[in-house]
Amino acid sequence: PKISKRLPVFIKEKDLSDLTKALNTNSEDWNSLNTKMLITVFYSTGMRLSELINMKEKQVDFSRKQLKILGKGNKERIIPAGVELLEIIKGYMNEKRKVFDKSDDVLLVSPKGKKLYPKYAYNLVRSILTDEIKTLDKKSPHVLRHTFATHLMNNGANLDAVKELLGHASLASTQVYTHNT
């Protein structure tokens, strides 16, 4: 018998709007600024944790409104970025320059001005998801990637387009999101 695959865990659109409100009301210390950046970029782009942590400032193209991502297997892909996301990124970069004299050319940094490490980013995302969304069983950055893909599919996006945005090599990997629609 064929073993069925588990469906990806995702955040419902109503819960996501509550999460966004919570992010906007948090204080502006460095941890909450990082949390807001992580949640916003994960949901707006569908990036993997490793892709976001290793992202450099020069990969953000404000004029073309896109992000150049280096994904699995050193494959490069272009993700369109909305005006709101670009404003948040620009604000973060300006704040980073004010707080730290010199920091790495990576986009996201820790409170010490160094490149974010995976566990730190994972824990920030997990803590805000635990505090704000009570209906989720699993709380991780990857849930935001699933949410990105599921909401695109629910709103009529083409399966091939979602495949390209997520950086999947196979269409079969993307098809799991059709079961949530």
Protein backbone atom coordinates (compact mmCIF):
# COMPACT_ATOMS: atom_id res chain seq x y z
CA PRO A 1 0.00 0.00 0.00
CA LYS A 2 1.08 3.54 -0.74
CA ILE A 3 2.08 5.53 2.33
CA SER A 4 0.56 8.99 2.26
CA LYS A 5 2.72 12.02 2.90
CA ARG A 6 1.99 14.41 5.74
CA LEU A 7 0.57 17.75 4.75
CA PRO A 8 2.76 20.78 5.47
CA VAL A 9 1.88 22.79 8.58
CA PHE A 10 0.95 26.39 7.75
CA ILE A 11 -0.51 29.48 9.41
CA LYS A 12 -4.07 30.44 8.57
CA GLU A 13 -4.49 33.90 7.02
CA LYS A 14 -6.46 35.21 10.03
CA ASP A 15 -3.72 34.10 12.43
CA LEU A 16 -1.10 35.66 10.15
CA SER A 17 -2.76 39.08 10.38
CA ASP A 18 -2.71 38.76 14.21
CA LEU A 19 0.99 37.88 14.03
CA THR A 20 1.68 40.93 11.85
CA LYS A 21 -0.10 43.19 14.35
CA ALA A 22 1.97 41.72 17.18
CA LEU A 23 5.21 42.30 15.25
CA ASN A 24 4.31 45.94 14.65
CA THR A 25 3.53 46.61 18.33
CA ASN A 26 6.69 45.00 19.75
CA SER A 27 9.39 47.23 21.16
CA GLU A 28 12.25 48.16 18.89
CA ASP A 29 15.18 46.42 20.61
CA TRP A 30 17.52 44.46 18.36
CA ASN A 31 15.89 41.06 19.04
CA SER A 32 12.41 42.30 18.12
CA LEU A 33 13.83 44.04 15.04
CA ASN A 34 15.45 40.76 13.99
CA THR A 35 12.24 38.86 14.72
CA LYS A 36 10.22 41.26 12.57
CA MET A 37 12.76 40.96 9.73
CA LEU A 38 12.88 37.16 9.93
CA ILE A 39 9.09 36.69 9.99
CA THR A 40 8.52 39.25 7.22
CA VAL A 41 11.21 37.96 4.89
CA PHE A 42 10.35 34.28 5.45
CA TYR A 43 6.66 34.86 4.75
CA SER A 44 7.18 37.32 1.88
CA THR A 45 9.75 35.24 0.00
CA GLY A 46 9.46 31.59 1.07
CA MET A 47 13.21 31.41 1.72
CA ARG A 48 14.90 28.65 3.66
CA LEU A 49 16.63 29.50 6.95
CA SER A 50 20.10 28.91 5.49
CA GLU A 51 19.33 31.12 2.48
CA LEU A 52 18.24 34.03 4.65
CA ILE A 53 21.10 33.77 7.13
CA ASN A 54 23.69 33.75 4.35
CA MET A 55 22.05 36.55 2.36
CA LYS A 56 24.27 39.56 1.68
CA GLU A 57 23.12 43.18 1.46
CA LYS A 58 24.22 43.34 -2.18
CA GLN A 59 21.69 40.60 -3.04
CA VAL A 60 18.86 43.07 -2.41
CA ASP A 61 18.14 45.01 -5.61
CA PHE A 62 15.97 47.98 -4.63
CA SER A 63 15.71 49.38 -8.16
CA ARG A 64 14.45 46.13 -9.70
CA LYS A 65 12.46 45.21 -6.57
CA GLN A 66 13.96 41.74 -6.30
CA LEU A 67 16.15 39.53 -4.15
CA LYS A 68 18.87 37.31 -5.58
CA ILE A 69 18.96 34.11 -3.54
CA LEU A 70 21.67 31.49 -3.46
CA GLY A 71 19.80 28.28 -2.67
CA LYS A 72 20.48 24.58 -2.32
CA GLY A 73 23.23 23.28 -4.56
CA ASN A 74 24.47 26.85 -5.15
CA LYS A 75 21.52 27.47 -7.49
CA GLU A 76 20.67 31.12 -7.87
CA ARG A 77 17.08 32.31 -8.12
CA ILE A 78 15.38 35.68 -8.26
CA ILE A 79 12.45 36.45 -5.97
CA PRO A 80 10.29 39.53 -6.54
CA ALA A 81 10.04 41.77 -3.48
CA GLY A 82 7.13 44.04 -2.66
CA VAL A 83 7.52 47.70 -1.74
CA GLU A 84 6.59 47.04 1.90
CA LEU A 85 9.23 44.31 2.25
CA LEU A 86 11.89 46.51 0.64
CA GLU A 87 11.03 49.37 3.02
CA ILE A 88 11.44 47.05 6.01
CA ILE A 89 14.78 45.79 4.67
CA LYS A 90 16.00 49.34 4.00
CA GLY A 91 14.95 50.43 7.51
CA TYR A 92 16.75 47.44 9.02
CA MET A 93 19.93 48.18 7.05
CA ASN A 94 19.87 51.85 8.13
CA GLU A 95 19.36 50.88 11.77
CA LYS A 96 22.16 48.33 11.51
CA ARG A 97 24.55 51.01 10.24
CA LYS A 98 23.59 53.32 13.14
CA VAL A 99 24.00 50.67 15.85
CA PHE A 100 27.14 48.94 14.59
CA ASP A 101 30.18 50.86 13.38
CA LYS A 102 31.10 48.11 10.98
CA SER A 103 29.37 44.84 10.45
CA ASP A 104 29.67 42.01 7.99
CA ASP A 105 28.13 42.48 4.56
CA VAL A 106 25.45 39.93 5.55
CA LEU A 107 21.93 41.32 5.71
CA LEU A 108 20.92 40.03 9.15
CA VAL A 109 23.13 40.39 12.22
CA SER A 110 22.97 39.37 15.88
CA PRO A 111 22.85 41.90 18.75
CA LYS A 112 26.66 41.84 18.65
CA GLY A 113 26.78 42.83 14.98
CA LYS A 114 27.91 39.41 13.76
CA LYS A 115 26.26 37.14 11.20
CA LEU A 116 23.15 35.42 12.56
CA TYR A 117 23.63 31.80 13.43
CA PRO A 118 20.84 29.30 12.64
CA LYS A 119 19.84 28.45 16.22
CA TYR A 120 19.45 32.13 17.16
CA ALA A 121 17.18 32.79 14.15
CA TYR A 122 15.25 29.57 14.75
CA ASN A 123 14.63 30.46 18.41
CA LEU A 124 13.45 34.00 17.58
CA VAL A 125 10.91 32.71 15.07
CA ARG A 126 9.83 29.87 17.35
CA SER A 127 9.29 32.22 20.32
CA ILE A 128 7.06 34.66 18.41
CA LEU A 129 5.06 31.81 16.84
CA THR A 130 4.62 30.21 20.27
CA ASP A 131 3.48 33.49 21.82
CA GLU A 132 1.16 34.64 19.05
CA ILE A 133 -0.27 31.55 17.32
CA LYS A 134 -1.80 28.98 19.61
CA THR A 135 -3.25 26.72 16.89
CA LEU A 136 0.08 25.51 15.48
CA ASP A 137 1.58 22.16 16.46
CA LYS A 138 4.92 22.83 14.80
CA LYS A 139 6.65 26.19 15.20
CA SER A 140 9.70 26.81 13.03
CA PRO A 141 10.92 29.07 10.22
CA HIS A 142 9.98 26.36 7.74
CA VAL A 143 6.32 26.76 8.74
CA LEU A 144 6.52 30.28 7.29
CA ARG A 145 7.88 28.83 4.03
CA HIS A 146 4.92 26.43 3.94
CA THR A 147 2.59 29.32 4.72
CA PHE A 148 4.04 31.38 1.84
CA ALA A 149 3.48 28.55 -0.64
CA THR A 150 0.04 27.58 0.67
CA HIS A 151 -1.28 31.15 0.60
CA LEU A 152 0.03 31.59 -2.96
CA MET A 153 -1.73 28.40 -4.07
CA ASN A 154 -4.94 29.32 -2.22
CA ASN A 155 -4.99 32.65 -4.05
CA GLY A 156 -4.64 31.16 -7.51
CA ALA A 157 -0.89 31.10 -8.15
CA ASN A 158 0.45 28.82 -10.86
CA LEU A 159 2.12 25.64 -9.56
CA ASP A 160 5.19 26.20 -11.77
CA ALA A 161 5.57 29.76 -10.47
CA VAL A 162 5.46 28.55 -6.85
CA LYS A 163 8.02 25.87 -7.73
CA GLU A 164 10.40 28.53 -9.08
CA LEU A 165 9.87 30.87 -6.11
CA LEU A 166 10.61 28.06 -3.64
CA GLY A 167 13.59 26.83 -5.62
CA HIS A 168 12.34 23.27 -5.90
CA ALA A 169 14.10 21.06 -8.42
CA SER A 170 11.06 18.84 -8.87
CA LEU A 171 7.40 19.71 -9.36
CA ALA A 172 6.52 16.79 -7.07
CA SER A 173 8.03 18.69 -4.15
CA THR A 174 5.70 21.62 -4.80
CA GLN A 175 2.58 19.52 -5.36
CA VAL A 176 2.14 18.90 -1.62
CA TYR A 177 0.77 22.45 -1.40
CA THR A 178 -2.13 21.63 -3.73
CA HIS A 179 -3.65 19.42 -1.02
CA ASN A 180 -4.04 22.36 1.35
CA THR A 181 -6.07 24.43 -1.10
